[in-house]
Amino acid sequence: MKLRTIMVSGRERDLAFAWNEQFAPHVGALTRSAFEELLDRAGGALFIEHDGVVAGFLVTFREGAEYESENYRYFDAKYDSFLYIDRIVIAASFQRQGIGRAVYEELARMAREEGIAMIACEVNVNPPNPDSSAFHESLGFREVGKQDTCGGEKTVALLVKDCR
């Protein structure tokens, strides 16, 4: 498994956008222009490669970013040092092969090397995403709060994992 920086334009961005929409509501649906802006603003926008094939993508932000996500703002208000996973998508044909676990292990390693205290993310509670909840729990994430988002249409569990 390999992480590599996303290209500024091209087929891979098209693929990432299609995957993003395919996996809504587990990741937030976005217009194409909002998705492009997200990638351009992100502290880390990475493609996940498995055996030389793009298998998914990941978007992260560090603390102090100018990012208006309700969930990101929750963590930014509470913590001084974190790596926020805004979204991660593993293509359906690559799921259940340990790729997600490997990505999270690599992120934790990178965070430790950079002195980042924790990884933060959220998981939908309403609409429910039990597979993601179980996955994050198995990796040692703990819930630090819940909040309604999208004008009350969604509820998320806010999760962190210590990287020290």
Protein backbone atom coordinates (compact mmCIF):
# COMPACT_ATOMS: atom_id res chain seq x y z
CA MET A 1 0.00 0.00 0.00
CA LYS A 2 1.30 3.42 -0.94
CA LEU A 3 0.03 6.96 -0.38
CA ARG A 4 0.89 9.61 -2.94
CA THR A 5 -0.01 13.25 -3.33
CA ILE A 6 -3.02 13.94 -5.51
CA MET A 7 -2.45 15.48 -8.94
CA VAL A 8 -3.72 19.01 -9.59
CA SER A 9 -5.95 17.84 -12.43
CA GLY A 10 -6.77 14.83 -14.47
CA ARG A 11 -8.42 11.47 -14.50
CA GLU A 12 -7.64 10.71 -10.85
CA ARG A 13 -9.61 13.73 -9.65
CA ASP A 14 -12.53 12.58 -11.79
CA LEU A 15 -12.27 9.14 -10.23
CA ALA A 16 -12.07 10.55 -6.70
CA PHE A 17 -15.14 12.71 -7.31
CA ALA A 18 -17.11 9.74 -8.66
CA TRP A 19 -16.14 7.64 -5.64
CA ASN A 20 -17.06 10.48 -3.31
CA GLU A 21 -20.56 10.64 -4.77
CA GLN A 22 -20.91 6.84 -4.83
CA PHE A 23 -20.22 6.61 -1.10
CA ALA A 24 -22.52 9.45 0.03
CA PRO A 25 -23.97 9.78 2.64
CA HIS A 26 -21.07 8.03 4.44
CA VAL A 27 -18.87 10.78 3.05
CA GLY A 28 -20.51 14.11 2.38
CA ALA A 29 -21.86 14.61 -1.13
CA LEU A 30 -20.39 17.68 -2.81
CA THR A 31 -20.84 19.53 -6.06
CA ARG A 32 -17.92 19.15 -8.43
CA SER A 33 -16.73 22.69 -7.74
CA ALA A 34 -16.96 22.18 -3.95
CA PHE A 35 -15.03 18.92 -4.28
CA GLU A 36 -12.30 20.65 -6.31
CA GLU A 37 -12.09 23.42 -3.71
CA LEU A 38 -11.84 20.83 -0.93
CA LEU A 39 -8.91 19.12 -2.64
CA ASP A 40 -7.17 22.43 -3.30
CA ARG A 41 -7.54 23.61 0.33
CA ALA A 42 -6.72 20.33 2.03
CA GLY A 43 -3.53 19.97 4.01
CA GLY A 44 -3.25 16.49 2.58
CA ALA A 45 -5.06 15.05 -0.40
CA LEU A 46 -3.70 11.61 -1.11
CA PHE A 47 -4.41 8.74 -3.44
CA ILE A 48 -4.14 5.24 -2.10
CA GLU A 49 -2.36 2.84 -4.42
CA HIS A 50 -2.50 -0.92 -4.06
CA ASP A 51 -0.39 -3.04 -6.40
CA GLY A 52 0.03 -0.03 -8.70
CA VAL A 53 -3.71 0.65 -9.02
CA VAL A 54 -5.52 3.64 -7.49
CA ALA A 55 -7.72 2.04 -4.82
CA GLY A 56 -9.08 5.10 -3.03
CA PHE A 57 -8.38 8.57 -1.75
CA LEU A 58 -7.98 10.41 1.51
CA VAL A 59 -8.35 14.09 2.45
CA THR A 60 -6.82 15.48 5.65
CA PHE A 61 -6.44 18.82 7.42
CA ARG A 62 -4.15 19.91 10.25
CA GLU A 63 -5.20 22.12 13.15
CA GLY A 64 -5.53 25.82 12.41
CA ALA A 65 -6.70 25.38 8.81
CA GLU A 66 -9.18 27.77 7.29
CA TYR A 67 -11.81 25.12 6.77
CA GLU A 68 -15.49 25.60 7.55
CA SER A 69 -16.56 22.00 8.15
CA GLU A 70 -18.68 21.76 11.31
CA ASN A 71 -16.86 18.60 12.31
CA TYR A 72 -13.39 20.00 11.66
CA ARG A 73 -14.26 23.14 13.67
CA TYR A 74 -15.26 20.94 16.64
CA PHE A 75 -11.77 19.43 16.79
CA ASP A 76 -10.00 22.71 16.04
CA ALA A 77 -11.76 24.39 18.98
CA LYS A 78 -10.80 21.60 21.41
CA TYR A 79 -7.35 20.34 20.42
CA ASP A 80 -3.98 21.96 19.73
CA SER A 81 -2.44 19.19 17.64
CA PHE A 82 -4.31 16.81 15.35
CA LEU A 83 -4.62 15.39 11.88
CA TYR A 84 -8.26 15.48 10.80
CA ILE A 85 -9.48 12.91 8.31
CA ASP A 86 -12.15 14.75 6.34
CA ARG A 87 -12.92 11.79 4.12
CA ILE A 88 -11.52 8.47 3.09
CA VAL A 89 -12.92 6.30 0.33
CA ILE A 90 -11.72 2.85 -0.62
CA ALA A 91 -13.17 1.67 -3.95
CA ALA A 92 -15.72 -1.12 -3.56
CA SER A 93 -13.51 -3.61 -5.43
CA PHE A 94 -10.70 -3.03 -2.87
CA GLN A 95 -12.73 -3.14 0.33
CA ARG A 96 -12.27 -5.84 2.97
CA GLN A 97 -8.63 -6.38 1.97
CA GLY A 98 -6.99 -4.54 4.87
CA ILE A 99 -6.27 -1.40 2.86
CA GLY A 100 -8.18 0.95 5.17
CA ARG A 101 -6.38 -0.46 8.21
CA ALA A 102 -3.02 -0.06 6.44
CA VAL A 103 -3.84 3.55 5.53
CA TYR A 104 -4.72 4.41 9.12
CA GLU A 105 -1.53 2.73 10.39
CA GLU A 106 0.50 4.76 7.90
CA LEU A 107 -1.26 7.97 8.98
CA ALA A 108 -0.50 7.21 12.63
CA ARG A 109 3.15 6.58 11.76
CA MET A 110 3.34 9.85 9.81
CA ALA A 111 1.63 11.72 12.66
CA ARG A 112 4.12 10.37 15.21
CA GLU A 113 7.05 11.37 13.00
CA GLU A 114 5.65 14.90 12.68
CA GLY A 115 4.84 15.20 16.40
CA ILE A 116 1.09 15.30 15.83
CA ALA A 117 -0.76 14.26 19.00
CA MET A 118 -3.82 12.60 17.50
CA ILE A 119 -5.89 11.61 14.51
CA ALA A 120 -9.46 12.93 14.50
CA CYS A 121 -12.47 11.98 12.40
CA GLU A 122 -16.20 11.47 12.57
CA VAL A 123 -18.53 8.61 11.76
CA ASN A 124 -22.20 8.93 10.89
CA VAL A 125 -24.56 7.80 13.62
CA ASN A 126 -27.64 9.01 11.72
CA PRO A 127 -27.78 7.82 9.02
CA PRO A 128 -25.93 4.94 10.64
CA ASN A 129 -22.63 3.59 9.39
CA PRO A 130 -22.08 0.55 11.64
CA ASP A 131 -19.20 -0.87 9.57
CA SER A 132 -17.23 2.35 9.94
CA SER A 133 -18.05 2.59 13.65
CA ALA A 134 -16.78 -0.96 14.25
CA PHE A 135 -13.70 -0.34 12.09
CA HIS A 136 -12.68 2.80 13.99
CA GLU A 137 -13.32 1.14 17.35
CA SER A 138 -11.08 -1.79 16.32
CA LEU A 139 -8.29 0.71 15.60
CA GLY A 140 -8.52 2.28 19.05
CA PHE A 141 -10.50 5.42 18.26
CA ARG A 142 -12.60 6.75 21.11
CA GLU A 143 -15.68 8.93 21.01
CA VAL A 144 -15.21 12.45 22.40
CA GLY A 145 -18.60 13.87 21.42
CA LYS A 146 -21.60 13.80 19.13
CA GLN A 147 -23.14 16.56 17.11
CA ASP A 148 -25.91 17.20 14.64
CA THR A 149 -24.75 18.52 11.28
CA CYS A 150 -26.28 19.52 7.96
CA GLY A 151 -29.07 21.41 9.69
CA GLY A 152 -29.95 18.37 11.83
CA GLU A 153 -30.13 15.92 8.91
CA LYS A 154 -27.09 14.01 10.20
CA THR A 155 -25.65 13.08 13.57
CA VAL A 156 -21.98 12.16 13.86
CA ALA A 157 -19.83 10.60 16.54
CA LEU A 158 -16.59 12.59 16.88
CA LEU A 159 -13.60 10.28 17.33
CA VAL A 160 -9.92 10.61 18.21
CA LYS A 161 -6.95 8.29 18.44
CA ASP A 162 -3.79 9.15 20.33
CA CYS A 163 -0.68 8.94 18.15
CA ARG A 164 2.03 9.48 20.77
